[in-house]
Amino acid sequence: MKKIIYKNPNEIENFDIKRFVKSLSKYAKVSEKEAKEVLAEYDQYEDMHVSCLVEAGMKLIGKKAGDKAMKEYFNDHAEWFEEGKFERLRRITGYLVGTLDRWNDAKKAEEAARVKHSVNSAVDDAERLAALETQAMEHNIAYAR
């Protein structure tokens, strides 16, 4: 049986999937099957830290109820993490980041020059092309037609 480790390695108890699902019910309706699927990535480990459960809970709640509920869940369980604050991660130019603060100038320029796709189909292709050329000139990057 899998065991959950809390802050102190001596604080250990058996994992109960029903208890985990019940703890998520305040934030989103999650089935036991869905919880097992998310926790499958931890099957190779005999023990897991409670922060793994919080991360799994965030995945489930985010998928079922959205960011607001996920932030609330995280903030209620932040004591199990070092910093205890929610940070949204995004994939930008192949990296998972919350902010660009620690990027060097070249990587920041690459991010600024990337094509940001829009959902707005009202903008015609000529306007979009002109915007891309302007953006490329601002960052001194060659843009091929």
N, C-alpha and C. Protein backbone atom coordinates (compact mmCIF):
# COMPACT_ATOMS: atom_id res chain seq x y z
N MET A 1 0.84 -1.19 0.00
CA MET A 1 0.00 0.00 0.00
C MET A 1 0.88 1.24 0.00
N LYS A 2 0.50 2.21 -0.84
CA LYS A 2 1.24 3.47 -0.96
C LYS A 2 1.09 4.28 0.33
N LYS A 3 2.17 4.98 0.68
CA LYS A 3 2.17 5.79 1.89
C LYS A 3 2.39 7.25 1.51
N ILE A 4 1.82 8.16 2.31
CA ILE A 4 1.96 9.59 2.12
C ILE A 4 2.90 10.13 3.18
N ILE A 5 3.90 10.90 2.75
CA ILE A 5 4.87 11.51 3.65
C ILE A 5 4.54 12.99 3.77
N TYR A 6 4.51 13.49 4.99
CA TYR A 6 4.26 14.91 5.23
C TYR A 6 5.59 15.61 5.44
N LYS A 7 5.63 16.79 6.04
CA LYS A 7 6.88 17.55 6.19
C LYS A 7 7.96 16.75 6.89
N ASN A 8 7.61 16.07 7.94
CA ASN A 8 8.56 15.27 8.68
C ASN A 8 8.46 13.83 8.18
N PRO A 9 9.58 13.21 7.80
CA PRO A 9 9.53 11.82 7.29
C PRO A 9 8.91 10.83 8.28
N ASN A 10 8.86 11.21 9.54
CA ASN A 10 8.21 10.35 10.54
C ASN A 10 6.69 10.45 10.48
N GLU A 11 6.19 11.53 9.88
CA GLU A 11 4.75 11.72 9.73
C GLU A 11 4.32 11.03 8.43
N ILE A 12 3.95 9.79 8.53
CA ILE A 12 3.61 9.00 7.36
C ILE A 12 2.32 8.25 7.63
N GLU A 13 1.48 8.14 6.62
CA GLU A 13 0.24 7.38 6.78
C GLU A 13 -0.15 6.73 5.46
N ASN A 14 -1.02 5.77 5.52
CA ASN A 14 -1.48 5.07 4.33
C ASN A 14 -2.33 5.99 3.47
N PHE A 15 -2.16 5.87 2.18
CA PHE A 15 -2.94 6.67 1.25
C PHE A 15 -4.32 6.06 1.07
N ASP A 16 -5.34 6.91 1.09
CA ASP A 16 -6.72 6.48 0.91
C ASP A 16 -7.33 7.28 -0.25
N ILE A 17 -7.57 6.63 -1.37
CA ILE A 17 -8.08 7.31 -2.57
C ILE A 17 -9.44 7.95 -2.31
N LYS A 18 -10.29 7.30 -1.53
CA LYS A 18 -11.61 7.85 -1.24
C LYS A 18 -11.49 9.17 -0.46
N ARG A 19 -10.57 9.21 0.47
CA ARG A 19 -10.33 10.42 1.26
C ARG A 19 -9.81 11.54 0.35
N PHE A 20 -8.93 11.19 -0.58
CA PHE A 20 -8.38 12.17 -1.52
C PHE A 20 -9.50 12.75 -2.38
N VAL A 21 -10.34 11.89 -2.95
CA VAL A 21 -11.44 12.35 -3.80
C VAL A 21 -12.40 13.22 -3.00
N LYS A 22 -12.66 12.83 -1.77
CA LYS A 22 -13.56 13.61 -0.90
C LYS A 22 -12.97 15.00 -0.64
N SER A 23 -11.65 15.08 -0.46
CA SER A 23 -11.01 16.37 -0.20
C SER A 23 -11.11 17.31 -1.40
N LEU A 24 -11.23 16.74 -2.60
CA LEU A 24 -11.36 17.56 -3.81
C LEU A 24 -12.79 18.03 -4.05
N SER A 25 -13.76 17.39 -3.41
CA SER A 25 -15.17 17.67 -3.69
C SER A 25 -15.59 19.09 -3.35
N LYS A 26 -14.86 19.76 -2.47
CA LYS A 26 -15.16 21.16 -2.14
C LYS A 26 -14.92 22.07 -3.35
N TYR A 27 -14.03 21.65 -4.25
CA TYR A 27 -13.60 22.50 -5.35
C TYR A 27 -14.15 22.06 -6.70
N ALA A 28 -14.34 20.75 -6.89
CA ALA A 28 -14.83 20.22 -8.17
C ALA A 28 -15.33 18.80 -7.98
N LYS A 29 -16.22 18.39 -8.86
CA LYS A 29 -16.73 17.02 -8.81
C LYS A 29 -15.74 16.13 -9.57
N VAL A 30 -15.03 15.30 -8.83
CA VAL A 30 -14.00 14.43 -9.40
C VAL A 30 -14.33 12.99 -9.04
N SER A 31 -14.25 12.11 -10.02
CA SER A 31 -14.53 10.70 -9.76
C SER A 31 -13.26 9.99 -9.29
N GLU A 32 -13.45 8.86 -8.66
CA GLU A 32 -12.32 8.06 -8.19
C GLU A 32 -11.48 7.59 -9.38
N LYS A 33 -12.14 7.26 -10.48
CA LYS A 33 -11.44 6.82 -11.69
C LYS A 33 -10.51 7.92 -12.21
N GLU A 34 -11.02 9.17 -12.26
CA GLU A 34 -10.21 10.29 -12.73
C GLU A 34 -9.01 10.52 -11.81
N ALA A 35 -9.24 10.40 -10.51
CA ALA A 35 -8.14 10.57 -9.55
C ALA A 35 -7.07 9.50 -9.75
N LYS A 36 -7.49 8.27 -9.97
CA LYS A 36 -6.53 7.19 -10.19
C LYS A 36 -5.72 7.42 -11.45
N GLU A 37 -6.37 7.94 -12.50
CA GLU A 37 -5.66 8.21 -13.75
C GLU A 37 -4.57 9.27 -13.56
N VAL A 38 -4.88 10.33 -12.82
CA VAL A 38 -3.90 11.39 -12.58
C VAL A 38 -2.78 10.90 -11.68
N LEU A 39 -3.10 10.05 -10.73
CA LEU A 39 -2.10 9.54 -9.79
C LEU A 39 -1.26 8.40 -10.38
N ALA A 40 -1.61 7.94 -11.57
CA ALA A 40 -0.88 6.82 -12.19
C ALA A 40 0.60 7.12 -12.38
N GLU A 41 0.95 8.40 -12.58
CA GLU A 41 2.36 8.74 -12.78
C GLU A 41 3.20 8.49 -11.52
N TYR A 42 2.55 8.32 -10.38
CA TYR A 42 3.26 8.05 -9.13
C TYR A 42 3.24 6.57 -8.75
N ASP A 43 2.67 5.73 -9.61
CA ASP A 43 2.55 4.30 -9.30
C ASP A 43 3.91 3.63 -9.10
N GLN A 44 4.93 4.14 -9.74
CA GLN A 44 6.25 3.52 -9.63
C GLN A 44 6.89 3.74 -8.25
N TYR A 45 6.35 4.67 -7.47
CA TYR A 45 6.92 4.97 -6.16
C TYR A 45 6.10 4.33 -5.05
N GLU A 46 6.79 3.82 -4.05
CA GLU A 46 6.09 3.23 -2.92
C GLU A 46 5.49 4.31 -2.02
N ASP A 47 6.28 5.37 -1.80
CA ASP A 47 5.84 6.49 -0.97
C ASP A 47 5.81 7.75 -1.82
N MET A 48 4.97 8.71 -1.45
CA MET A 48 4.98 10.00 -2.13
C MET A 48 4.74 11.11 -1.13
N HIS A 49 5.31 12.25 -1.42
CA HIS A 49 5.15 13.42 -0.56
C HIS A 49 3.75 13.99 -0.78
N VAL A 50 3.21 14.61 0.24
CA VAL A 50 1.86 15.16 0.15
C VAL A 50 1.76 16.22 -0.95
N SER A 51 2.87 16.89 -1.28
CA SER A 51 2.83 17.89 -2.36
C SER A 51 2.45 17.25 -3.70
N CYS A 52 2.78 15.97 -3.89
CA CYS A 52 2.37 15.27 -5.12
C CYS A 52 0.86 15.18 -5.21
N LEU A 53 0.22 14.95 -4.06
CA LEU A 53 -1.25 14.90 -4.05
C LEU A 53 -1.84 16.27 -4.37
N VAL A 54 -1.23 17.31 -3.85
CA VAL A 54 -1.73 18.66 -4.12
C VAL A 54 -1.59 18.97 -5.61
N GLU A 55 -0.46 18.61 -6.20
CA GLU A 55 -0.28 18.84 -7.64
C GLU A 55 -1.29 18.04 -8.45
N ALA A 56 -1.52 16.81 -8.07
CA ALA A 56 -2.51 15.98 -8.76
C ALA A 56 -3.90 16.60 -8.60
N GLY A 57 -4.19 17.07 -7.41
CA GLY A 57 -5.48 17.73 -7.16
C GLY A 57 -5.65 18.97 -8.01
N MET A 58 -4.57 19.74 -8.17
CA MET A 58 -4.63 20.94 -9.00
C MET A 58 -4.94 20.59 -10.45
N LYS A 59 -4.32 19.52 -10.96
CA LYS A 59 -4.58 19.10 -12.33
C LYS A 59 -6.06 18.76 -12.51
N LEU A 60 -6.58 17.98 -11.58
CA LEU A 60 -7.98 17.57 -11.67
C LEU A 60 -8.93 18.75 -11.56
N ILE A 61 -8.71 19.59 -10.58
CA ILE A 61 -9.61 20.72 -10.35
C ILE A 61 -9.52 21.72 -11.50
N GLY A 62 -8.31 21.96 -11.99
CA GLY A 62 -8.14 22.88 -13.11
C GLY A 62 -8.89 22.40 -14.34
N LYS A 63 -8.84 21.10 -14.58
CA LYS A 63 -9.52 20.52 -15.74
C LYS A 63 -11.04 20.55 -15.55
N LYS A 64 -11.51 20.33 -14.34
CA LYS A 64 -12.95 20.21 -14.09
C LYS A 64 -13.63 21.54 -13.77
N ALA A 65 -12.93 22.44 -13.03
CA ALA A 65 -13.60 23.64 -12.54
C ALA A 65 -12.91 24.94 -12.93
N GLY A 66 -11.72 24.88 -13.51
CA GLY A 66 -11.06 26.10 -13.96
C GLY A 66 -10.02 26.65 -13.00
N ASP A 67 -9.41 27.75 -13.45
CA ASP A 67 -8.30 28.35 -12.71
C ASP A 67 -8.68 28.89 -11.34
N LYS A 68 -9.84 29.51 -11.23
CA LYS A 68 -10.24 30.11 -9.94
C LYS A 68 -10.30 29.04 -8.85
N ALA A 69 -10.97 27.93 -9.14
CA ALA A 69 -11.07 26.84 -8.16
C ALA A 69 -9.71 26.22 -7.89
N MET A 70 -8.87 26.12 -8.93
CA MET A 70 -7.54 25.55 -8.77
C MET A 70 -6.69 26.43 -7.86
N LYS A 71 -6.75 27.75 -8.04
CA LYS A 71 -6.00 28.66 -7.18
C LYS A 71 -6.47 28.56 -5.73
N GLU A 72 -7.78 28.48 -5.55
CA GLU A 72 -8.34 28.36 -4.20
C GLU A 72 -7.85 27.07 -3.54
N TYR A 73 -7.88 25.97 -4.28
CA TYR A 73 -7.40 24.69 -3.76
C TYR A 73 -5.92 24.79 -3.38
N PHE A 74 -5.12 25.37 -4.29
CA PHE A 74 -3.69 25.49 -4.01
C PHE A 74 -3.45 26.34 -2.77
N ASN A 75 -4.12 27.49 -2.70
CA ASN A 75 -3.91 28.38 -1.55
C ASN A 75 -4.32 27.73 -0.24
N ASP A 76 -5.32 26.87 -0.28
CA ASP A 76 -5.74 26.14 0.92
C ASP A 76 -4.72 25.07 1.32
N HIS A 77 -3.89 24.64 0.37
CA HIS A 77 -2.92 23.56 0.63
C HIS A 77 -1.48 24.02 0.44
N ALA A 78 -1.24 25.32 0.38
CA ALA A 78 0.09 25.86 0.09
C ALA A 78 1.11 25.54 1.17
N GLU A 79 0.66 25.17 2.34
CA GLU A 79 1.60 24.87 3.43
C GLU A 79 2.54 23.72 3.09
N TRP A 80 2.18 22.90 2.11
CA TRP A 80 3.01 21.74 1.76
C TRP A 80 4.09 22.07 0.74
N PHE A 81 4.16 23.33 0.34
CA PHE A 81 5.17 23.77 -0.62
C PHE A 81 6.09 24.78 0.04
N GLU A 82 7.25 24.97 -0.56
CA GLU A 82 8.25 25.89 -0.03
C GLU A 82 7.72 27.32 0.05
N GLU A 83 7.32 27.88 -1.09
CA GLU A 83 6.97 29.29 -1.14
C GLU A 83 5.53 29.56 -0.75
N GLY A 84 4.63 28.69 -1.13
CA GLY A 84 3.23 28.88 -0.78
C GLY A 84 2.53 29.96 -1.58
N LYS A 85 2.83 30.08 -2.86
CA LYS A 85 2.10 31.01 -3.70
C LYS A 85 1.82 30.37 -5.05
N PHE A 86 0.74 30.76 -5.66
CA PHE A 86 0.35 30.19 -6.94
C PHE A 86 1.03 30.94 -8.06
N GLU A 87 1.61 30.21 -8.99
CA GLU A 87 2.23 30.82 -10.16
C GLU A 87 1.76 30.08 -11.39
N ARG A 88 1.20 30.78 -12.31
CA ARG A 88 0.73 30.18 -13.55
C ARG A 88 1.91 29.91 -14.47
N LEU A 89 2.03 28.71 -14.96
CA LEU A 89 3.09 28.37 -15.89
C LEU A 89 2.55 28.37 -17.32
N ARG A 90 3.36 28.87 -18.23
CA ARG A 90 2.99 28.89 -19.64
C ARG A 90 4.15 28.29 -20.43
N ARG A 91 3.85 27.72 -21.57
CA ARG A 91 4.91 27.23 -22.45
C ARG A 91 5.19 28.33 -23.45
N ILE A 92 6.41 28.88 -23.36
CA ILE A 92 6.83 29.95 -24.26
C ILE A 92 8.14 29.51 -24.91
N THR A 93 8.16 29.51 -26.20
CA THR A 93 9.32 29.11 -27.00
C THR A 93 9.97 27.84 -26.47
N GLY A 94 9.14 26.89 -26.08
CA GLY A 94 9.64 25.58 -25.66
C GLY A 94 9.98 25.46 -24.19
N TYR A 95 9.78 26.51 -23.40
CA TYR A 95 10.10 26.47 -21.98
C TYR A 95 8.84 26.68 -21.15
N LEU A 96 8.75 26.00 -20.02
CA LEU A 96 7.67 26.25 -19.08
C LEU A 96 8.12 27.35 -18.14
N VAL A 97 7.42 28.49 -18.17
CA VAL A 97 7.83 29.63 -17.35
C VAL A 97 6.62 30.30 -16.72
N GLY A 98 6.87 30.97 -15.61
CA GLY A 98 5.85 31.81 -14.99
C GLY A 98 6.07 33.25 -15.39
N THR A 99 7.33 33.68 -15.34
CA THR A 99 7.70 35.04 -15.76
C THR A 99 8.97 34.96 -16.59
N LEU A 100 9.30 36.07 -17.22
CA LEU A 100 10.50 36.12 -18.05
C LEU A 100 11.66 36.80 -17.32
N ASP A 101 11.54 37.02 -16.03
CA ASP A 101 12.53 37.76 -15.25
C ASP A 101 13.94 37.20 -15.37
N ARG A 102 14.08 35.90 -15.39
CA ARG A 102 15.41 35.29 -15.36
C ARG A 102 15.96 34.98 -16.75
N TRP A 103 15.28 35.41 -17.80
CA TRP A 103 15.74 35.14 -19.16
C TRP A 103 16.79 36.17 -19.56
N ASN A 104 17.73 35.75 -20.40
CA ASN A 104 18.71 36.70 -20.92
C ASN A 104 18.08 37.51 -22.05
N ASP A 105 18.80 38.53 -22.51
CA ASP A 105 18.26 39.44 -23.52
C ASP A 105 17.89 38.74 -24.83
N ALA A 106 18.70 37.77 -25.23
CA ALA A 106 18.43 37.06 -26.48
C ALA A 106 17.12 36.28 -26.39
N LYS A 107 16.91 35.61 -25.28
CA LYS A 107 15.68 34.82 -25.12
C LYS A 107 14.47 35.74 -25.01
N LYS A 108 14.63 36.89 -24.35
CA LYS A 108 13.52 37.86 -24.26
C LYS A 108 13.18 38.40 -25.66
N ALA A 109 14.20 38.65 -26.48
CA ALA A 109 13.96 39.13 -27.84
C ALA A 109 13.25 38.06 -28.67
N GLU A 110 13.64 36.80 -28.47
CA GLU A 110 12.99 35.70 -29.19
C GLU A 110 11.51 35.63 -28.81
N GLU A 111 11.23 35.79 -27.53
CA GLU A 111 9.84 35.75 -27.07
C GLU A 111 9.05 36.92 -27.65
N ALA A 112 9.67 38.10 -27.66
CA ALA A 112 8.98 39.29 -28.17
C ALA A 112 8.71 39.18 -29.67
N ALA A 113 9.58 38.48 -30.40
CA ALA A 113 9.44 38.38 -31.84
C ALA A 113 8.57 37.22 -32.30
N ARG A 114 8.19 36.36 -31.38
CA ARG A 114 7.40 35.19 -31.81
C ARG A 114 6.03 35.61 -32.31
N VAL A 115 5.47 34.81 -33.16
CA VAL A 115 4.15 35.09 -33.71
C VAL A 115 3.12 34.71 -32.67
N LYS A 116 2.33 35.67 -32.28
CA LYS A 116 1.28 35.42 -31.30
C LYS A 116 -0.02 35.24 -32.07
N HIS A 117 -0.54 34.04 -32.08
CA HIS A 117 -1.74 33.74 -32.85
C HIS A 117 -2.96 34.26 -32.13
N SER A 118 -3.86 34.79 -32.90
CA SER A 118 -5.07 35.35 -32.30
C SER A 118 -6.28 34.55 -32.75
N VAL A 119 -7.30 34.60 -31.95
CA VAL A 119 -8.53 33.91 -32.27
C VAL A 119 -9.40 34.79 -33.16
N ASN A 120 -9.10 36.06 -33.19
CA ASN A 120 -9.89 37.02 -33.93
C ASN A 120 -9.68 36.84 -35.43
N SER A 121 -10.67 36.35 -36.13
CA SER A 121 -10.55 36.13 -37.56
C SER A 121 -10.98 37.36 -38.36
N ALA A 122 -11.37 38.43 -37.67
CA ALA A 122 -11.81 39.65 -38.35
C ALA A 122 -10.64 40.39 -38.99
N VAL A 123 -9.43 40.16 -38.48
CA VAL A 123 -8.25 40.82 -39.03
C VAL A 123 -7.86 40.09 -40.31
N ASP A 124 -7.75 40.83 -41.42
CA ASP A 124 -7.42 40.15 -42.67
C ASP A 124 -5.91 39.87 -42.76
N ASP A 125 -5.54 39.07 -43.74
CA ASP A 125 -4.15 38.63 -43.89
C ASP A 125 -3.19 39.79 -44.13
N ALA A 126 -3.61 40.80 -44.88
CA ALA A 126 -2.73 41.94 -45.17
C ALA A 126 -2.38 42.68 -43.88
N GLU A 127 -3.38 42.91 -43.03
CA GLU A 127 -3.12 43.57 -41.75
C GLU A 127 -2.21 42.73 -40.88
N ARG A 128 -2.44 41.44 -40.86
CA ARG A 128 -1.63 40.53 -40.04
C ARG A 128 -0.17 40.53 -40.53
N LEU A 129 0.02 40.50 -41.85
CA LEU A 129 1.36 40.53 -42.42
C LEU A 129 2.07 41.84 -42.08
N ALA A 130 1.36 42.95 -42.19
CA ALA A 130 1.94 44.25 -41.86
C ALA A 130 2.35 44.30 -40.39
N ALA A 131 1.52 43.76 -39.52
CA ALA A 131 1.82 43.74 -38.09
C ALA A 131 3.06 42.89 -37.81
N LEU A 132 3.19 41.76 -38.50
CA LEU A 132 4.36 40.90 -38.31
C LEU A 132 5.64 41.59 -38.77
N GLU A 133 5.56 42.29 -39.93
CA GLU A 133 6.73 43.00 -40.43
C GLU A 133 7.14 44.13 -39.48
N THR A 134 6.16 44.84 -38.96
CA THR A 134 6.44 45.92 -38.00
C THR A 134 7.08 45.36 -36.74
N GLN A 135 6.54 44.27 -36.25
CA GLN A 135 7.07 43.63 -35.04
C GLN A 135 8.51 43.17 -35.28
N ALA A 136 8.80 42.60 -36.45
CA ALA A 136 10.14 42.13 -36.77
C ALA A 136 11.12 43.31 -36.85
N MET A 137 10.69 44.43 -37.46
CA MET A 137 11.57 45.60 -37.55
C MET A 137 11.85 46.19 -36.18
N GLU A 138 10.86 46.19 -35.28
CA GLU A 138 11.06 46.71 -33.93
C GLU A 138 12.14 45.94 -33.18
N HIS A 139 12.25 44.67 -33.47
CA HIS A 139 13.21 43.83 -32.75
C HIS A 139 14.44 43.52 -33.61
N ASN A 140 14.56 44.25 -34.73
CA ASN A 140 15.73 44.10 -35.60
C ASN A 140 15.95 42.66 -36.02
N ILE A 141 14.87 42.01 -36.46
CA ILE A 141 14.92 40.62 -36.88
C ILE A 141 14.44 40.54 -38.32
N ALA A 142 15.13 39.76 -39.11
CA ALA A 142 14.74 39.60 -40.51
C ALA A 142 13.42 38.86 -40.59
N TYR A 143 12.56 39.31 -41.50
CA TYR A 143 11.27 38.65 -41.72
C TYR A 143 11.11 38.41 -43.20
N ALA A 144 10.98 37.15 -43.57
CA ALA A 144 10.85 36.79 -44.99
C ALA A 144 9.40 36.70 -45.37
N ARG A 145 9.07 37.27 -46.53
CA ARG A 145 7.68 37.17 -47.04
C ARG A 145 7.48 35.84 -47.69
